[in-house]
């Protein structure tokens, strides 16, 4: 990477471009969605409540995952994302 380069990623909720470090990331493993930087198909979302609500909505989340997810999966993912965010701050 070039010196001073800041990688940008797109929030799946609002489509805004933000520095990678400012976004929350989650992936879809074999056991369901996982918060944090783990290998696999994933996406980024900003910290706005509206974006979290949109991305963690069941239809949207299931479409991203490529399989049907339940309310419990969305609830656990929201909690894990918020915990990861608190750890980083």
N, C-alpha and C. Protein backbone atom coordinates (compact mmCIF):
# COMPACT_ATOMS: atom_id res chain seq x y z
N UNK A 1 0.83 -1.18 0.00
CA UNK A 1 0.00 0.00 0.00
C UNK A 1 0.87 1.25 0.00
N UNK A 2 0.36 2.27 -0.64
CA UNK A 2 1.06 3.53 -0.64
C UNK A 2 0.99 4.16 0.75
N UNK A 3 1.99 4.91 1.06
CA UNK A 3 2.01 5.61 2.34
C UNK A 3 0.88 6.64 2.37
N UNK A 4 0.11 6.62 3.44
CA UNK A 4 -0.99 7.57 3.57
C UNK A 4 -2.29 7.10 2.93
N UNK A 5 -2.27 5.96 2.30
CA UNK A 5 -3.48 5.42 1.67
C UNK A 5 -4.46 4.95 2.73
N UNK A 6 -5.72 5.34 2.61
CA UNK A 6 -6.76 4.91 3.53
C UNK A 6 -7.77 4.08 2.73
N UNK A 7 -7.88 2.77 3.02
CA UNK A 7 -8.83 1.95 2.27
C UNK A 7 -10.27 2.37 2.57
N UNK A 8 -11.06 2.51 1.53
CA UNK A 8 -12.47 2.87 1.67
C UNK A 8 -13.34 1.65 1.43
N UNK A 9 -14.43 1.56 2.16
CA UNK A 9 -15.41 0.50 1.98
C UNK A 9 -16.79 1.14 1.92
N UNK A 10 -17.74 0.41 1.37
CA UNK A 10 -19.10 0.91 1.21
C UNK A 10 -20.02 0.31 2.26
N UNK A 11 -20.78 1.18 2.93
CA UNK A 11 -21.78 0.72 3.89
C UNK A 11 -22.94 0.10 3.12
N UNK A 12 -23.36 -1.09 3.50
CA UNK A 12 -24.47 -1.75 2.81
C UNK A 12 -25.82 -1.15 3.17
N UNK A 13 -25.85 -0.31 4.20
CA UNK A 13 -27.11 0.32 4.60
C UNK A 13 -27.40 1.59 3.82
N UNK A 14 -26.41 2.51 3.76
CA UNK A 14 -26.63 3.82 3.14
C UNK A 14 -25.83 4.02 1.86
N UNK A 15 -24.98 3.07 1.50
CA UNK A 15 -24.12 3.14 0.32
C UNK A 15 -23.07 4.24 0.39
N UNK A 16 -22.83 4.76 1.59
CA UNK A 16 -21.81 5.77 1.76
C UNK A 16 -20.42 5.14 1.78
N UNK A 17 -19.43 5.88 1.31
CA UNK A 17 -18.04 5.43 1.31
C UNK A 17 -17.36 5.97 2.57
N UNK A 18 -16.75 5.07 3.35
CA UNK A 18 -16.11 5.43 4.60
C UNK A 18 -14.77 4.71 4.71
N UNK A 19 -13.86 5.25 5.54
CA UNK A 19 -12.63 4.51 5.81
C UNK A 19 -12.98 3.16 6.44
N UNK A 20 -12.24 2.15 6.07
CA UNK A 20 -12.48 0.79 6.55
C UNK A 20 -12.56 0.74 8.08
N UNK A 21 -11.72 1.51 8.74
CA UNK A 21 -11.67 1.49 10.20
C UNK A 21 -12.91 2.07 10.86
N UNK A 22 -13.72 2.83 10.12
CA UNK A 22 -14.91 3.46 10.68
C UNK A 22 -16.15 2.59 10.57
N UNK A 23 -16.04 1.45 9.93
CA UNK A 23 -17.19 0.59 9.70
C UNK A 23 -17.13 -0.68 10.52
N UNK A 24 -18.28 -1.30 10.71
CA UNK A 24 -18.38 -2.59 11.37
C UNK A 24 -18.45 -3.65 10.28
N UNK A 25 -17.76 -4.77 10.48
CA UNK A 25 -17.75 -5.83 9.48
C UNK A 25 -18.34 -7.10 10.08
N UNK A 26 -19.08 -7.82 9.28
CA UNK A 26 -19.51 -9.15 9.67
C UNK A 26 -19.44 -10.07 8.48
N UNK A 27 -19.28 -11.35 8.76
CA UNK A 27 -19.17 -12.37 7.72
C UNK A 27 -20.20 -13.45 7.95
N UNK A 28 -20.35 -14.30 6.97
CA UNK A 28 -21.28 -15.41 7.06
C UNK A 28 -20.50 -16.72 7.04
N UNK A 29 -20.37 -17.33 8.20
CA UNK A 29 -19.68 -18.61 8.31
C UNK A 29 -20.68 -19.76 8.21
N UNK A 30 -20.19 -20.96 8.41
CA UNK A 30 -21.08 -22.13 8.33
C UNK A 30 -22.09 -22.14 9.47
N UNK A 31 -21.74 -21.53 10.60
CA UNK A 31 -22.64 -21.49 11.75
C UNK A 31 -23.55 -20.29 11.77
N UNK A 32 -23.53 -19.46 10.75
CA UNK A 32 -24.34 -18.26 10.70
C UNK A 32 -23.48 -17.02 10.67
N UNK A 33 -24.09 -15.85 10.83
CA UNK A 33 -23.34 -14.61 10.76
C UNK A 33 -22.40 -14.44 11.96
N UNK A 34 -21.21 -13.88 11.69
CA UNK A 34 -20.19 -13.69 12.71
C UNK A 34 -19.68 -12.26 12.63
N UNK A 35 -19.64 -11.55 13.76
CA UNK A 35 -19.13 -10.18 13.79
C UNK A 35 -17.61 -10.21 13.78
N UNK A 36 -17.03 -9.23 13.12
CA UNK A 36 -15.57 -9.11 13.12
C UNK A 36 -14.96 -9.51 11.79
N UNK A 37 -13.66 -9.45 11.76
CA UNK A 37 -12.91 -9.75 10.54
C UNK A 37 -12.52 -11.21 10.51
N UNK A 38 -13.38 -12.02 10.01
CA UNK A 38 -13.06 -13.43 9.80
C UNK A 38 -13.22 -13.72 8.32
N UNK A 39 -12.58 -14.77 7.84
CA UNK A 39 -12.67 -15.05 6.41
C UNK A 39 -14.09 -15.45 6.00
N UNK A 40 -14.41 -15.16 4.78
CA UNK A 40 -15.71 -15.55 4.24
C UNK A 40 -16.43 -14.37 3.64
N UNK A 41 -17.60 -14.66 3.11
CA UNK A 41 -18.43 -13.63 2.49
C UNK A 41 -18.93 -12.69 3.58
N UNK A 42 -18.70 -11.42 3.40
CA UNK A 42 -19.10 -10.49 4.44
C UNK A 42 -19.49 -9.15 3.88
N UNK A 43 -19.80 -8.24 4.78
CA UNK A 43 -20.12 -6.88 4.37
C UNK A 43 -19.80 -5.91 5.49
N UNK A 44 -19.83 -4.64 5.15
CA UNK A 44 -19.55 -3.56 6.08
C UNK A 44 -20.82 -2.74 6.28
N UNK A 45 -20.97 -2.21 7.49
CA UNK A 45 -22.10 -1.34 7.80
C UNK A 45 -21.60 -0.24 8.74
N UNK A 46 -22.12 0.98 8.54
CA UNK A 46 -21.70 2.07 9.42
C UNK A 46 -22.46 1.98 10.74
N UNK A 47 -22.12 2.85 11.67
CA UNK A 47 -22.67 2.77 13.02
C UNK A 47 -24.03 3.44 13.18
N UNK A 48 -24.58 4.00 12.13
CA UNK A 48 -25.89 4.65 12.23
C UNK A 48 -26.96 3.60 12.52
N UNK A 49 -27.88 3.95 13.41
CA UNK A 49 -28.96 3.02 13.77
C UNK A 49 -29.80 2.63 12.55
N UNK A 50 -30.07 3.59 11.67
CA UNK A 50 -30.88 3.30 10.49
C UNK A 50 -30.20 2.27 9.59
N UNK A 51 -28.89 2.38 9.45
CA UNK A 51 -28.15 1.42 8.61
C UNK A 51 -28.14 0.04 9.25
N UNK A 52 -27.89 -0.01 10.54
CA UNK A 52 -27.91 -1.30 11.24
C UNK A 52 -29.28 -1.95 11.12
N UNK A 53 -30.34 -1.16 11.31
CA UNK A 53 -31.69 -1.70 11.21
C UNK A 53 -31.97 -2.24 9.81
N UNK A 54 -31.54 -1.51 8.79
CA UNK A 54 -31.77 -1.96 7.42
C UNK A 54 -31.02 -3.24 7.11
N UNK A 55 -29.73 -3.26 7.42
CA UNK A 55 -28.90 -4.42 7.08
C UNK A 55 -29.28 -5.63 7.93
N UNK A 56 -29.67 -5.42 9.17
CA UNK A 56 -30.01 -6.54 10.03
C UNK A 56 -31.48 -6.94 9.93
N UNK A 57 -32.21 -6.32 9.02
CA UNK A 57 -33.58 -6.78 8.73
C UNK A 57 -33.51 -8.17 8.12
N UNK A 58 -34.46 -9.01 8.42
CA UNK A 58 -34.38 -10.42 8.04
C UNK A 58 -34.28 -10.65 6.54
N UNK A 59 -35.06 -9.94 5.74
CA UNK A 59 -35.01 -10.15 4.29
C UNK A 59 -33.66 -9.74 3.73
N UNK A 60 -33.17 -8.59 4.16
CA UNK A 60 -31.90 -8.08 3.66
C UNK A 60 -30.75 -8.97 4.10
N UNK A 61 -30.74 -9.33 5.37
CA UNK A 61 -29.68 -10.17 5.92
C UNK A 61 -29.67 -11.54 5.26
N UNK A 62 -30.86 -12.12 5.05
CA UNK A 62 -30.95 -13.43 4.40
C UNK A 62 -30.46 -13.36 2.96
N UNK A 63 -30.77 -12.26 2.29
CA UNK A 63 -30.30 -12.10 0.90
C UNK A 63 -28.78 -11.99 0.85
N UNK A 64 -28.20 -11.25 1.79
CA UNK A 64 -26.74 -11.14 1.85
C UNK A 64 -26.09 -12.49 2.13
N UNK A 65 -26.70 -13.25 3.04
CA UNK A 65 -26.13 -14.53 3.45
C UNK A 65 -26.34 -15.61 2.38
N UNK A 66 -27.34 -15.44 1.55
CA UNK A 66 -27.62 -16.45 0.54
C UNK A 66 -28.41 -17.62 1.10
N UNK A 67 -28.96 -17.45 2.30
CA UNK A 67 -29.81 -18.48 2.90
C UNK A 67 -30.74 -17.81 3.91
N UNK A 68 -31.76 -18.50 4.33
CA UNK A 68 -32.73 -17.97 5.27
C UNK A 68 -32.15 -17.92 6.68
N UNK A 69 -32.27 -16.76 7.29
CA UNK A 69 -31.81 -16.57 8.66
C UNK A 69 -33.00 -16.18 9.53
N UNK A 70 -32.94 -16.52 10.80
CA UNK A 70 -34.03 -16.22 11.71
C UNK A 70 -33.79 -14.96 12.53
N UNK A 71 -34.80 -14.58 13.30
CA UNK A 71 -34.69 -13.39 14.15
C UNK A 71 -33.58 -13.55 15.17
N UNK A 72 -33.38 -14.75 15.67
CA UNK A 72 -32.34 -15.00 16.66
C UNK A 72 -30.96 -14.71 16.07
N UNK A 73 -30.74 -15.09 14.80
CA UNK A 73 -29.47 -14.80 14.12
C UNK A 73 -29.24 -13.29 14.04
N UNK A 74 -30.27 -12.55 13.67
CA UNK A 74 -30.15 -11.09 13.55
C UNK A 74 -29.89 -10.46 14.92
N UNK A 75 -30.57 -10.94 15.95
CA UNK A 75 -30.39 -10.39 17.29
C UNK A 75 -28.97 -10.64 17.80
N UNK A 76 -28.48 -11.88 17.61
CA UNK A 76 -27.13 -12.21 18.06
C UNK A 76 -26.08 -11.40 17.30
N UNK A 77 -26.29 -11.22 16.00
CA UNK A 77 -25.34 -10.46 15.20
C UNK A 77 -25.31 -9.00 15.65
N UNK A 78 -26.47 -8.40 15.89
CA UNK A 78 -26.52 -7.02 16.36
C UNK A 78 -25.74 -6.88 17.67
N UNK A 79 -25.97 -7.79 18.60
CA UNK A 79 -25.29 -7.75 19.89
C UNK A 79 -23.78 -7.90 19.71
N UNK A 80 -23.36 -8.82 18.87
CA UNK A 80 -21.93 -9.06 18.63
C UNK A 80 -21.28 -7.85 17.97
N UNK A 81 -21.96 -7.21 17.02
CA UNK A 81 -21.41 -6.03 16.36
C UNK A 81 -21.22 -4.90 17.36
N UNK A 82 -22.21 -4.70 18.22
CA UNK A 82 -22.09 -3.64 19.21
C UNK A 82 -20.98 -3.92 20.21
N UNK A 83 -20.81 -5.18 20.59
CA UNK A 83 -19.72 -5.53 21.51
C UNK A 83 -18.36 -5.31 20.86
N UNK A 84 -18.21 -5.71 19.59
CA UNK A 84 -16.95 -5.49 18.87
C UNK A 84 -16.65 -4.00 18.76
N UNK A 85 -17.69 -3.21 18.53
CA UNK A 85 -17.53 -1.77 18.41
C UNK A 85 -17.03 -1.19 19.73
N UNK A 86 -17.58 -1.64 20.84
CA UNK A 86 -17.14 -1.16 22.15
C UNK A 86 -15.70 -1.55 22.43
N UNK A 87 -15.29 -2.74 22.01
CA UNK A 87 -13.91 -3.19 22.21
C UNK A 87 -12.92 -2.30 21.45
N UNK A 88 -13.29 -1.87 20.25
CA UNK A 88 -12.41 -1.08 19.41
C UNK A 88 -12.25 0.34 19.93
N UNK A 89 -13.22 0.86 20.63
CA UNK A 89 -13.16 2.25 21.08
C UNK A 89 -12.36 2.40 22.30
